[in-house]
Amino acid sequence: VAAEVLFRGLLHGGLAQGFPTMHPDSRWFVSWPVFISSILYAFFSALPFLPFFDRDVGLTFSGALVFGVSSGMARERSESLFACVILHWSCLFMLAVASPLLGNRVGL
């Protein structure tokens, strides 16, 4: 919940005041607030892995970037943080389910 409030609530909300965003009845596109908040979210998600410089950093950054864009678009379309929180919880649940199936190669 804290990550969604910080990145989609405060950061995205602040950027949305200066840049155009999607509206629920408009075309789908990635706005600048979604893009910028997603890049920062991906950077901060990969930050704990940076001292190791292996392929996990790139995978973590890429996954967090895709998640950040989808979560930002959900925030703009729904005009609510509730959709972002539900999306985040469902992704964490899927990671918890997939981790034992993949031999713990997916870390939480």
PDB file of N, CA and C in Angstrom:
ATOM      1  N   VAL A   1       0.828  -1.187   0.000  1.00  0.00           N
ATOM      2  CA  VAL A   1       0.000   0.000   0.000  1.00  0.00           C
ATOM      3  C   VAL A   1       0.875   1.254   0.000  1.00  0.00           C
ATOM      4  N   ALA A   2       1.986   1.201   0.746  1.00  0.00           N
ATOM      5  CA  ALA A   2       2.856   2.380   0.832  1.00  0.00           C
ATOM      6  C   ALA A   2       3.467   2.726  -0.518  1.00  0.00           C
ATOM      7  N   ALA A   3       3.873   1.713  -1.293  1.00  0.00           N
ATOM      8  CA  ALA A   3       4.460   1.980  -2.608  1.00  0.00           C
ATOM      9  C   ALA A   3       3.429   2.620  -3.540  1.00  0.00           C
ATOM     10  N   GLU A   4       2.205   2.149  -3.477  1.00  0.00           N
ATOM     11  CA  GLU A   4       1.174   2.721  -4.339  1.00  0.00           C
ATOM     12  C   GLU A   4       0.829   4.152  -3.926  1.00  0.00           C
ATOM     13  N   VAL A   5       0.761   4.403  -2.643  1.00  0.00           N
ATOM     14  CA  VAL A   5       0.481   5.767  -2.176  1.00  0.00           C
ATOM     15  C   VAL A   5       1.622   6.700  -2.568  1.00  0.00           C
ATOM     16  N   LEU A   6       2.864   6.226  -2.422  1.00  0.00           N
ATOM     17  CA  LEU A   6       4.012   7.072  -2.738  1.00  0.00           C
ATOM     18  C   LEU A   6       4.140   7.332  -4.236  1.00  0.00           C
ATOM     19  N   PHE A   7       4.145   6.257  -5.047  1.00  0.00           N
ATOM     20  CA  PHE A   7       4.431   6.426  -6.475  1.00  0.00           C
ATOM     21  C   PHE A   7       3.191   6.795  -7.287  1.00  0.00           C
ATOM     22  N   ARG A   8       2.055   6.145  -7.044  1.00  0.00           N
ATOM     23  CA  ARG A   8       0.853   6.447  -7.821  1.00  0.00           C
ATOM     24  C   ARG A   8       0.035   7.561  -7.205  1.00  0.00           C
ATOM     25  N   GLY A   9       0.107   7.724  -5.909  1.00  0.00           N
ATOM     26  CA  GLY A   9      -0.663   8.776  -5.259  1.00  0.00           C
ATOM     27  C   GLY A   9       0.052  10.115  -5.279  1.00  0.00           C
ATOM     28  N   LEU A  10       1.182  10.183  -4.586  1.00  0.00           N
ATOM     29  CA  LEU A  10       1.887  11.458  -4.452  1.00  0.00           C
ATOM     30  C   LEU A  10       2.650  11.856  -5.709  1.00  0.00           C
ATOM     31  N   LEU A  11       3.518  10.969  -6.189  1.00  0.00           N
ATOM     32  CA  LEU A  11       4.353  11.317  -7.347  1.00  0.00           C
ATOM     33  C   LEU A  11       3.522  11.489  -8.615  1.00  0.00           C
ATOM     34  N   HIS A  12       2.710  10.488  -8.926  1.00  0.00           N
ATOM     35  CA  HIS A  12       1.869  10.574 -10.127  1.00  0.00           C
ATOM     36  C   HIS A  12       0.868  11.723 -10.007  1.00  0.00           C
ATOM     37  N   GLY A  13       0.274  11.853  -8.817  1.00  0.00           N
ATOM     38  CA  GLY A  13      -0.693  12.935  -8.612  1.00  0.00           C
ATOM     39  C   GLY A  13      -0.076  14.308  -8.784  1.00  0.00           C
ATOM     40  N   GLY A  14       1.155  14.485  -8.293  1.00  0.00           N
ATOM     41  CA  GLY A  14       1.847  15.766  -8.465  1.00  0.00           C
ATOM     42  C   GLY A  14       2.195  16.039  -9.921  1.00  0.00           C
ATOM     43  N   LEU A  15       2.658  14.999 -10.621  1.00  0.00           N
ATOM     44  CA  LEU A  15       2.999  15.163 -12.036  1.00  0.00           C
ATOM     45  C   LEU A  15       1.755  15.381 -12.899  1.00  0.00           C
ATOM     46  N   ALA A  16       0.636  14.803 -12.495  1.00  0.00           N
ATOM     47  CA  ALA A  16      -0.595  14.928 -13.280  1.00  0.00           C
ATOM     48  C   ALA A  16      -1.122  16.366 -13.299  1.00  0.00           C
ATOM     49  N   GLN A  17      -0.684  17.176 -12.375  1.00  0.00           N
ATOM     50  CA  GLN A  17      -1.130  18.567 -12.363  1.00  0.00           C
ATOM     51  C   GLN A  17      -0.435  19.404 -13.431  1.00  0.00           C
ATOM     52  N   GLY A  18       0.723  18.917 -13.915  1.00  0.00           N
ATOM     53  CA  GLY A  18       1.460  19.682 -14.920  1.00  0.00           C
ATOM     54  C   GLY A  18       1.465  19.064 -16.304  1.00  0.00           C
ATOM     55  N   PHE A  19       1.012  17.818 -16.421  1.00  0.00           N
ATOM     56  CA  PHE A  19       1.020  17.109 -17.701  1.00  0.00           C
ATOM     57  C   PHE A  19      -0.375  16.586 -18.013  1.00  0.00           C
ATOM     58  N   PRO A  20      -0.702  16.409 -19.294  1.00  0.00           N
ATOM     59  CA  PRO A  20      -2.002  15.818 -19.630  1.00  0.00           C
ATOM     60  C   PRO A  20      -2.034  14.333 -19.266  1.00  0.00           C
ATOM     61  N   THR A  21      -3.195  13.853 -18.850  1.00  0.00           N
ATOM     62  CA  THR A  21      -3.372  12.455 -18.463  1.00  0.00           C
ATOM     63  C   THR A  21      -4.557  11.858 -19.219  1.00  0.00           C
ATOM     64  N   MET A  22      -4.708  10.535 -19.069  1.00  0.00           N
ATOM     65  CA  MET A  22      -5.853   9.845 -19.665  1.00  0.00           C
ATOM     66  C   MET A  22      -7.102  10.132 -18.851  1.00  0.00           C
ATOM     67  N   HIS A  23      -8.216  10.109 -19.505  1.00  0.00           N
ATOM     68  CA  HIS A  23      -9.498  10.191 -18.835  1.00  0.00           C
ATOM     69  C   HIS A  23     -10.232   8.884 -19.082  1.00  0.00           C
ATOM     70  N   PRO A  24     -11.162   8.527 -18.216  1.00  0.00           N
ATOM     71  CA  PRO A  24     -11.827   7.225 -18.360  1.00  0.00           C
ATOM     72  C   PRO A  24     -12.495   6.988 -19.711  1.00  0.00           C
ATOM     73  N   ASP A  25     -12.942   8.027 -20.365  1.00  0.00           N
ATOM     74  CA  ASP A  25     -13.641   7.844 -21.641  1.00  0.00           C
ATOM     75  C   ASP A  25     -12.767   8.173 -22.856  1.00  0.00           C
ATOM     76  N   SER A  26     -11.453   8.316 -22.654  1.00  0.00           N
ATOM     77  CA  SER A  26     -10.562   8.687 -23.758  1.00  0.00           C
ATOM     78  C   SER A  26      -9.817   7.471 -24.286  1.00  0.00           C
ATOM     79  N   ARG A  27      -8.955   7.703 -25.302  1.00  0.00           N
ATOM     80  CA  ARG A  27      -8.104   6.648 -25.863  1.00  0.00           C
ATOM     81  C   ARG A  27      -7.089   6.188 -24.829  1.00  0.00           C
ATOM     82  N   TRP A  28      -6.560   4.986 -25.036  1.00  0.00           N
ATOM     83  CA  TRP A  28      -5.502   4.459 -24.171  1.00  0.00           C
ATOM     84  C   TRP A  28      -4.162   5.004 -24.654  1.00  0.00           C
ATOM     85  N   PHE A  29      -3.373   5.553 -23.753  1.00  0.00           N
ATOM     86  CA  PHE A  29      -2.008   5.969 -24.052  1.00  0.00           C
ATOM     87  C   PHE A  29      -1.242   6.060 -22.744  1.00  0.00           C
ATOM     88  N   VAL A  30       0.065   6.076 -22.827  1.00  0.00           N
ATOM     89  CA  VAL A  30       0.903   6.215 -21.635  1.00  0.00           C
ATOM     90  C   VAL A  30       1.266   7.683 -21.501  1.00  0.00           C
ATOM     91  N   SER A  31       0.792   8.293 -20.443  1.00  0.00           N
ATOM     92  CA  SER A  31       1.051   9.718 -20.228  1.00  0.00           C
ATOM     93  C   SER A  31       2.417   9.911 -19.570  1.00  0.00           C
ATOM     94  N   TRP A  32       2.887  11.144 -19.562  1.00  0.00           N
ATOM     95  CA  TRP A  32       4.165  11.450 -18.923  1.00  0.00           C
ATOM     96  C   TRP A  32       4.157  11.149 -17.433  1.00  0.00           C
ATOM     97  N   PRO A  33       3.091  11.458 -16.684  1.00  0.00           N
ATOM     98  CA  PRO A  33       3.101  11.080 -15.265  1.00  0.00           C
ATOM     99  C   PRO A  33       3.229   9.574 -15.047  1.00  0.00           C
ATOM    100  N   VAL A  34       2.580   8.773 -15.881  1.00  0.00           N
ATOM    101  CA  VAL A  34       2.691   7.321 -15.767  1.00  0.00           C
ATOM    102  C   VAL A  34       4.118   6.892 -16.086  1.00  0.00           C
ATOM    103  N   PHE A  35       4.688   7.415 -17.146  1.00  0.00           N
ATOM    104  CA  PHE A  35       6.034   7.035 -17.568  1.00  0.00           C
ATOM    105  C   PHE A  35       7.074   7.411 -16.518  1.00  0.00           C
ATOM    106  N   ILE A  36       7.039   8.633 -16.024  1.00  0.00           N
ATOM    107  CA  ILE A  36       8.040   9.101 -15.059  1.00  0.00           C
ATOM    108  C   ILE A  36       7.910   8.359 -13.731  1.00  0.00           C
ATOM    109  N   SER A  37       6.686   8.211 -13.235  1.00  0.00           N
ATOM    110  CA  SER A  37       6.510   7.498 -11.966  1.00  0.00           C
ATOM    111  C   SER A  37       6.881   6.025 -12.105  1.00  0.00           C
ATOM    112  N   SER A  38       6.677   5.437 -13.280  1.00  0.00           N
ATOM    113  CA  SER A  38       7.038   4.031 -13.506  1.00  0.00           C
ATOM    114  C   SER A  38       8.548   3.843 -13.555  1.00  0.00           C
ATOM    115  N   ILE A  39       9.253   4.759 -14.193  1.00  0.00           N
ATOM    116  CA  ILE A  39      10.718   4.695 -14.232  1.00  0.00           C
ATOM    117  C   ILE A  39      11.289   4.797 -12.812  1.00  0.00           C
ATOM    118  N   LEU A  40      10.778   5.719 -12.025  1.00  0.00           N
ATOM    119  CA  LEU A  40      11.262   5.868 -10.655  1.00  0.00           C
ATOM    120  C   LEU A  40      10.902   4.656  -9.798  1.00  0.00           C
ATOM    121  N   TYR A  41       9.699   4.101  -9.998  1.00  0.00           N
ATOM    122  CA  TYR A  41       9.297   2.895  -9.274  1.00  0.00           C
ATOM    123  C   TYR A  41      10.221   1.730  -9.631  1.00  0.00           C
ATOM    124  N   ALA A  42      10.529   1.575 -10.902  1.00  0.00           N
ATOM    125  CA  ALA A  42      11.414   0.486 -11.339  1.00  0.00           C
ATOM    126  C   ALA A  42      12.817   0.672 -10.772  1.00  0.00           C
ATOM    127  N   PHE A  43      13.313   1.904 -10.757  1.00  0.00           N
ATOM    128  CA  PHE A  43      14.641   2.161 -10.199  1.00  0.00           C
ATOM    129  C   PHE A  43      14.685   1.797  -8.718  1.00  0.00           C
ATOM    130  N   PHE A  44      13.676   2.226  -7.958  1.00  0.00           N
ATOM    131  CA  PHE A  44      13.673   1.939  -6.530  1.00  0.00           C
ATOM    132  C   PHE A  44      13.394   0.466  -6.244  1.00  0.00           C
ATOM    133  N   SER A  45      12.752  -0.242  -7.150  1.00  0.00           N
ATOM    134  CA  SER A  45      12.548  -1.680  -6.978  1.00  0.00           C
ATOM    135  C   SER A  45      13.839  -2.447  -7.228  1.00  0.00           C
ATOM    136  N   ALA A  46      14.665  -1.969  -8.142  1.00  0.00           N
ATOM    137  CA  ALA A  46      15.927  -2.638  -8.464  1.00  0.00           C
ATOM    138  C   ALA A  46      17.067  -2.190  -7.554  1.00  0.00           C
ATOM    139  N   LEU A  47      16.872  -1.156  -6.788  1.00  0.00           N
ATOM    140  CA  LEU A  47      17.929  -0.604  -5.941  1.00  0.00           C
ATOM    141  C   LEU A  47      18.575  -1.621  -4.997  1.00  0.00           C
ATOM    142  N   PRO A  48      17.819  -2.507  -4.340  1.00  0.00           N
ATOM    143  CA  PRO A  48      18.487  -3.481  -3.459  1.00  0.00           C
ATOM    144  C   PRO A  48      19.402  -4.457  -4.198  1.00  0.00           C
ATOM    145  N   PHE A  49      19.188  -4.649  -5.512  1.00  0.00           N
ATOM    146  CA  PHE A  49      19.991  -5.592  -6.276  1.00  0.00           C
ATOM    147  C   PHE A  49      21.221  -4.957  -6.924  1.00  0.00           C
ATOM    148  N   LEU A  50      21.352  -3.648  -6.889  1.00  0.00           N
ATOM    149  CA  LEU A  50      22.416  -2.963  -7.612  1.00  0.00           C
ATOM    150  C   LEU A  50      23.835  -3.360  -7.201  1.00  0.00           C
ATOM    151  N   PRO A  51      24.139  -3.649  -5.941  1.00  0.00           N
ATOM    152  CA  PRO A  51      25.528  -4.025  -5.626  1.00  0.00           C
ATOM    153  C   PRO A  51      25.980  -5.317  -6.310  1.00  0.00           C
ATOM    154  N   PHE A  52      25.053  -6.138  -6.783  1.00  0.00           N
ATOM    155  CA  PHE A  52      25.420  -7.434  -7.339  1.00  0.00           C
ATOM    156  C   PHE A  52      25.637  -7.400  -8.848  1.00  0.00           C
ATOM    157  N   PHE A  53      24.991  -6.520  -9.563  1.00  0.00           N
ATOM    158  CA  PHE A  53      25.161  -6.334 -11.008  1.00  0.00           C
ATOM    159  C   PHE A  53      25.063  -7.634 -11.801  1.00  0.00           C
ATOM    160  N   ASP A  54      24.055  -8.425 -11.543  1.00  0.00           N
ATOM    161  CA  ASP A  54      23.835  -9.614 -12.357  1.00  0.00           C
ATOM    162  C   ASP A  54      22.553  -9.431 -13.164  1.00  0.00           C
ATOM    163  N   ARG A  55      22.128 -10.478 -13.825  1.00  0.00           N
ATOM    164  CA  ARG A  55      20.956 -10.346 -14.697  1.00  0.00           C
ATOM    165  C   ARG A  55      19.674 -10.109 -13.919  1.00  0.00           C
ATOM    166  N   ASP A  56      19.683 -10.399 -12.611  1.00  0.00           N
ATOM    167  CA  ASP A  56      18.490 -10.178 -11.807  1.00  0.00           C
ATOM    168  C   ASP A  56      18.134  -8.693 -11.712  1.00  0.00           C
ATOM    169  N   VAL A  57      19.125  -7.832 -11.819  1.00  0.00           N
ATOM    170  CA  VAL A  57      18.848  -6.398 -11.784  1.00  0.00           C
ATOM    171  C   VAL A  57      18.014  -6.005 -13.001  1.00  0.00           C
ATOM    172  N   GLY A  58      18.397  -6.475 -14.170  1.00  0.00           N
ATOM    173  CA  GLY A  58      17.652  -6.167 -15.388  1.00  0.00           C
ATOM    174  C   GLY A  58      16.258  -6.754 -15.381  1.00  0.00           C
ATOM    175  N   LEU A  59      16.119  -7.975 -14.887  1.00  0.00           N
ATOM    176  CA  LEU A  59      14.798  -8.601 -14.801  1.00  0.00           C
ATOM    177  C   LEU A  59      13.904  -7.872 -13.806  1.00  0.00           C
ATOM    178  N   THR A  60      14.464  -7.507 -12.673  1.00  0.00           N
ATOM    179  CA  THR A  60      13.691  -6.784 -11.671  1.00  0.00           C
ATOM    180  C   THR A  60      13.267  -5.425 -12.200  1.00  0.00           C
ATOM    181  N   PHE A  61      14.195  -4.717 -12.841  1.00  0.00           N
ATOM    182  CA  PHE A  61      13.874  -3.400 -13.393  1.00  0.00           C
ATOM    183  C   PHE A  61      12.798  -3.510 -14.476  1.00  0.00           C
ATOM    184  N   SER A  62      12.945  -4.476 -15.377  1.00  0.00           N
ATOM    185  CA  SER A  62      11.971  -4.646 -16.460  1.00  0.00           C
ATOM    186  C   SER A  62      10.594  -5.011 -15.932  1.00  0.00           C
ATOM    187  N   GLY A  63      10.557  -5.951 -15.001  1.00  0.00           N
ATOM    188  CA  GLY A  63       9.276  -6.350 -14.418  1.00  0.00           C
ATOM    189  C   GLY A  63       8.618  -5.215 -13.667  1.00  0.00           C
ATOM    190  N   ALA A  64       9.408  -4.466 -12.899  1.00  0.00           N
ATOM    191  CA  ALA A  64       8.863  -3.338 -12.154  1.00  0.00           C
ATOM    192  C   ALA A  64       8.399  -2.227 -13.091  1.00  0.00           C
ATOM    193  N   LEU A  65       9.094  -2.042 -14.210  1.00  0.00           N
ATOM    194  CA  LEU A  65       8.680  -1.023 -15.182  1.00  0.00           C
ATOM    195  C   LEU A  65       7.344  -1.394 -15.823  1.00  0.00           C
ATOM    196  N   VAL A  66       7.200  -2.644 -16.233  1.00  0.00           N
ATOM    197  CA  VAL A  66       5.927  -3.094 -16.819  1.00  0.00           C
ATOM    198  C   VAL A  66       4.808  -2.980 -15.798  1.00  0.00           C
ATOM    199  N   PHE A  67       5.076  -3.408 -14.550  1.00  0.00           N
ATOM    200  CA  PHE A  67       4.070  -3.293 -13.508  1.00  0.00           C
ATOM    201  C   PHE A  67       3.735  -1.827 -13.242  1.00  0.00           C
ATOM    202  N   GLY A  68       4.744  -0.967 -13.185  1.00  0.00           N
ATOM    203  CA  GLY A  68       4.511   0.448 -12.922  1.00  0.00           C
ATOM    204  C   GLY A  68       3.658   1.115 -13.986  1.00  0.00           C
ATOM    205  N   VAL A  69       3.915   0.769 -15.252  1.00  0.00           N
ATOM    206  CA  VAL A  69       3.108   1.336 -16.345  1.00  0.00           C
ATOM    207  C   VAL A  69       1.669   0.845 -16.242  1.00  0.00           C
ATOM    208  N   SER A  70       1.486  -0.447 -16.010  1.00  0.00           N
ATOM    209  CA  SER A  70       0.117  -0.973 -15.925  1.00  0.00           C
ATOM    210  C   SER A  70      -0.611  -0.418 -14.709  1.00  0.00           C
ATOM    211  N   SER A  71       0.083  -0.283 -13.600  1.00  0.00           N
ATOM    212  CA  SER A  71      -0.537   0.266 -12.402  1.00  0.00           C
ATOM    213  C   SER A  71      -0.859   1.757 -12.580  1.00  0.00           C
ATOM    214  N   GLY A  72       0.032   2.481 -13.234  1.00  0.00           N
ATOM    215  CA  GLY A  72      -0.237   3.896 -13.502  1.00  0.00           C
ATOM    216  C   GLY A  72      -1.410   4.095 -14.446  1.00  0.00           C
ATOM    217  N   MET A  73      -1.507   3.231 -15.461  1.00  0.00           N
ATOM    218  CA  MET A  73      -2.642   3.333 -16.371  1.00  0.00           C
ATOM    219  C   MET A  73      -3.945   2.977 -15.656  1.00  0.00           C
ATOM    220  N   ALA A  74      -3.886   1.993 -14.752  1.00  0.00           N
ATOM    221  CA  ALA A  74      -5.081   1.637 -13.973  1.00  0.00           C
ATOM    222  C   ALA A  74      -5.493   2.800 -13.075  1.00  0.00           C
ATOM    223  N   ARG A  75      -4.514   3.512 -12.541  1.00  0.00           N
ATOM    224  CA  ARG A  75      -4.822   4.660 -11.686  1.00  0.00           C
ATOM    225  C   ARG A  75      -5.491   5.774 -12.481  1.00  0.00           C
ATOM    226  N   GLU A  76      -4.965   6.040 -13.663  1.00  0.00           N
ATOM    227  CA  GLU A  76      -5.554   7.102 -14.475  1.00  0.00           C
ATOM    228  C   GLU A  76      -6.941   6.726 -14.987  1.00  0.00           C
ATOM    229  N   ARG A  77      -7.124   5.482 -15.406  1.00  0.00           N
ATOM    230  CA  ARG A  77      -8.425   5.069 -15.938  1.00  0.00           C
ATOM    231  C   ARG A  77      -9.489   5.015 -14.860  1.00  0.00           C
ATOM    232  N   SER A  78      -9.113   4.539 -13.659  1.00  0.00           N
ATOM    233  CA  SER A  78     -10.106   4.412 -12.595  1.00  0.00           C
ATOM    234  C   SER A  78     -10.223   5.675 -11.746  1.00  0.00           C
ATOM    235  N   GLU A  79      -9.240   6.540 -11.847  1.00  0.00           N
ATOM    236  CA  GLU A  79      -9.161   7.754 -11.043  1.00  0.00           C
ATOM    237  C   GLU A  79      -9.188   7.432  -9.545  1.00  0.00           C
ATOM    238  N   SER A  80      -8.553   6.313  -9.182  1.00  0.00           N
ATOM    239  CA  SER A  80      -8.541   5.869  -7.799  1.00  0.00           C
ATOM    240  C   SER A  80      -7.279   5.048  -7.534  1.00  0.00           C
ATOM    241  N   LEU A  81      -6.807   5.074  -6.297  1.00  0.00           N
ATOM    242  CA  LEU A  81      -5.674   4.244  -5.904  1.00  0.00           C
ATOM    243  C   LEU A  81      -6.100   2.818  -5.583  1.00  0.00           C
ATOM    244  N   PHE A  82      -7.391   2.597  -5.401  1.00  0.00           N
ATOM    245  CA  PHE A  82      -7.880   1.272  -5.048  1.00  0.00           C
ATOM    246  C   PHE A  82      -7.531   0.247  -6.118  1.00  0.00           C
ATOM    247  N   ALA A  83      -7.646   0.611  -7.385  1.00  0.00           N
ATOM    248  CA  ALA A  83      -7.300  -0.307  -8.474  1.00  0.00           C
ATOM    249  C   ALA A  83      -5.818  -0.665  -8.434  1.00  0.00           C
ATOM    250  N   CYS A  84      -4.975   0.293  -8.114  1.00  0.00           N
ATOM    251  CA  CYS A  84      -3.529   0.034  -8.026  1.00  0.00           C
ATOM    252  C   CYS A  84      -3.203  -0.914  -6.880  1.00  0.00           C
ATOM    253  N   VAL A  85      -3.857  -0.726  -5.753  1.00  0.00           N
ATOM    254  CA  VAL A  85      -3.604  -1.582  -4.591  1.00  0.00           C
ATOM    255  C   VAL A  85      -4.053  -3.007  -4.885  1.00  0.00           C
ATOM    256  N   ILE A  86      -5.229  -3.173  -5.500  1.00  0.00           N
ATOM    257  CA  ILE A  86      -5.728  -4.504  -5.857  1.00  0.00           C
ATOM    258  C   ILE A  86      -4.785  -5.161  -6.866  1.00  0.00           C
ATOM    259  N   LEU A  87      -4.318  -4.410  -7.848  1.00  0.00           N
ATOM    260  CA  LEU A  87      -3.380  -4.938  -8.836  1.00  0.00           C
ATOM    261  C   LEU A  87      -2.073  -5.363  -8.171  1.00  0.00           C
ATOM    262  N   HIS A  88      -1.570  -4.565  -7.258  1.00  0.00           N
ATOM    263  CA  HIS A  88      -0.325  -4.882  -6.556  1.00  0.00           C
ATOM    264  C   HIS A  88      -0.491  -6.146  -5.713  1.00  0.00           C
ATOM    265  N   TRP A  89      -1.579  -6.233  -4.975  1.00  0.00           N
ATOM    266  CA  TRP A  89      -1.828  -7.417  -4.143  1.00  0.00           C
ATOM    267  C   TRP A  89      -1.991  -8.666  -4.992  1.00  0.00           C
ATOM    268  N   SER A  90      -2.664  -8.545  -6.120  1.00  0.00           N
ATOM    269  CA  SER A  90      -2.857  -9.726  -6.973  1.00  0.00           C
ATOM    270  C   SER A  90      -1.515 -10.178  -7.585  1.00  0.00           C
ATOM    271  N   CYS A  91      -0.639  -9.245  -7.926  1.00  0.00           N
ATOM    272  CA  CYS A  91       0.687  -9.616  -8.442  1.00  0.00           C
ATOM    273  C   CYS A  91       1.528 -10.283  -7.358  1.00  0.00           C
ATOM    274  N   LEU A  92       1.464  -9.775  -6.139  1.00  0.00           N
ATOM    275  CA  LEU A  92       2.190 -10.407  -5.041  1.00  0.00           C
ATOM    276  C   LEU A  92       1.642 -11.797  -4.749  1.00  0.00           C
ATOM    277  N   PHE A  93       0.331 -11.961  -4.835  1.00  0.00           N
ATOM    278  CA  PHE A  93      -0.273 -13.277  -4.635  1.00  0.00           C
ATOM    279  C   PHE A  93       0.203 -14.255  -5.708  1.00  0.00           C
ATOM    280  N   MET A  94       0.245 -13.792  -6.964  1.00  0.00           N
ATOM    281  CA  MET A  94       0.713 -14.658  -8.050  1.00  0.00           C
ATOM    282  C   MET A  94       2.184 -15.028  -7.863  1.00  0.00           C
ATOM    283  N   LEU A  95       3.002 -14.112  -7.373  1.00  0.00           N
ATOM    284  CA  LEU A  95       4.401 -14.434  -7.083  1.00  0.00           C
ATOM    285  C   LEU A  95       4.507 -15.474  -5.967  1.00  0.00           C
ATOM    286  N   ALA A  96       3.665 -15.340  -4.955  1.00  0.00           N
ATOM    287  CA  ALA A  96       3.680 -16.310  -3.853  1.00  0.00           C
ATOM    288  C   ALA A  96       3.255 -17.688  -4.335  1.00  0.00           C
ATOM    289  N   VAL A  97       2.323 -17.739  -5.271  1.00  0.00           N
ATOM    290  CA  VAL A  97       1.874 -19.024  -5.812  1.00  0.00           C
ATOM    291  C   VAL A  97       2.923 -19.590  -6.771  1.00  0.00           C
ATOM    292  N   ALA A  98       3.530 -18.741  -7.584  1.00  0.00           N
ATOM    293  CA  ALA A  98       4.486 -19.202  -8.591  1.00  0.00           C
ATOM    294  C   ALA A  98       5.837 -19.581  -7.997  1.00  0.00           C
ATOM    295  N   SER A  99       6.203 -19.000  -6.872  1.00  0.00           N
ATOM    296  CA  SER A  99       7.514 -19.254  -6.288  1.00  0.00           C
ATOM    297  C   SER A  99       7.772 -20.739  -6.008  1.00  0.00           C
ATOM    298  N   PRO A 100       6.868 -21.453  -5.346  1.00  0.00           N
ATOM    299  CA  PRO A 100       7.129 -22.879  -5.120  1.00  0.00           C
ATOM    300  C   PRO A 100       7.100 -23.694  -6.416  1.00  0.00           C
ATOM    301  N   LEU A 101       6.291 -23.268  -7.377  1.00  0.00           N
ATOM    302  CA  LEU A 101       6.192 -23.995  -8.630  1.00  0.00           C
ATOM    303  C   LEU A 101       7.445 -23.848  -9.489  1.00  0.00           C
ATOM    304  N   LEU A 102       8.153 -22.743  -9.343  1.00  0.00           N
ATOM    305  CA  LEU A 102       9.354 -22.486 -10.125  1.00  0.00           C
ATOM    306  C   LEU A 102      10.623 -22.827  -9.360  1.00  0.00           C
ATOM    307  N   GLY A 103      10.494 -23.531  -8.273  1.00  0.00           N
ATOM    308  CA  GLY A 103      11.679 -23.922  -7.510  1.00  0.00           C
ATOM    309  C   GLY A 103      12.314 -22.770  -6.783  1.00  0.00           C
ATOM    310  N   ASN A 104      11.511 -21.829  -6.295  1.00  0.00           N
ATOM    311  CA  ASN A 104      11.990 -20.658  -5.534  1.00  0.00           C
ATOM    312  C   ASN A 104      12.934 -19.782  -6.355  1.00  0.00           C
ATOM    313  N   ARG A 105      12.837 -19.800  -7.666  1.00  0.00           N
ATOM    314  CA  ARG A 105      13.631 -18.895  -8.502  1.00  0.00           C
ATOM    315  C   ARG A 105      13.027 -17.506  -8.510  1.00  0.00           C
ATOM    316  N   VAL A 106      11.761 -17.384  -8.114  1.00  0.00           N
ATOM    317  CA  VAL A 106      11.098 -16.089  -8.028  1.00  0.00           C
ATOM    318  C   VAL A 106      11.150 -15.688  -6.559  1.00  0.00           C
ATOM    319  N   GLY A 107      11.797 -14.574  -6.262  1.00  0.00           N
ATOM    320  CA  GLY A 107      11.918 -14.145  -4.871  1.00  0.00           C
ATOM    321  C   GLY A 107      10.893 -13.093  -4.513  1.00  0.00           C
ATOM    322  N   LEU A 108      10.461 -13.136  -3.273  1.00  0.00           N
ATOM    323  CA  LEU A 108       9.522 -12.127  -2.797  1.00  0.00           C
ATOM    324  C   LEU A 108      10.233 -11.102  -1.975  1.00  0.00           C
TER     325      LEU A 108
END
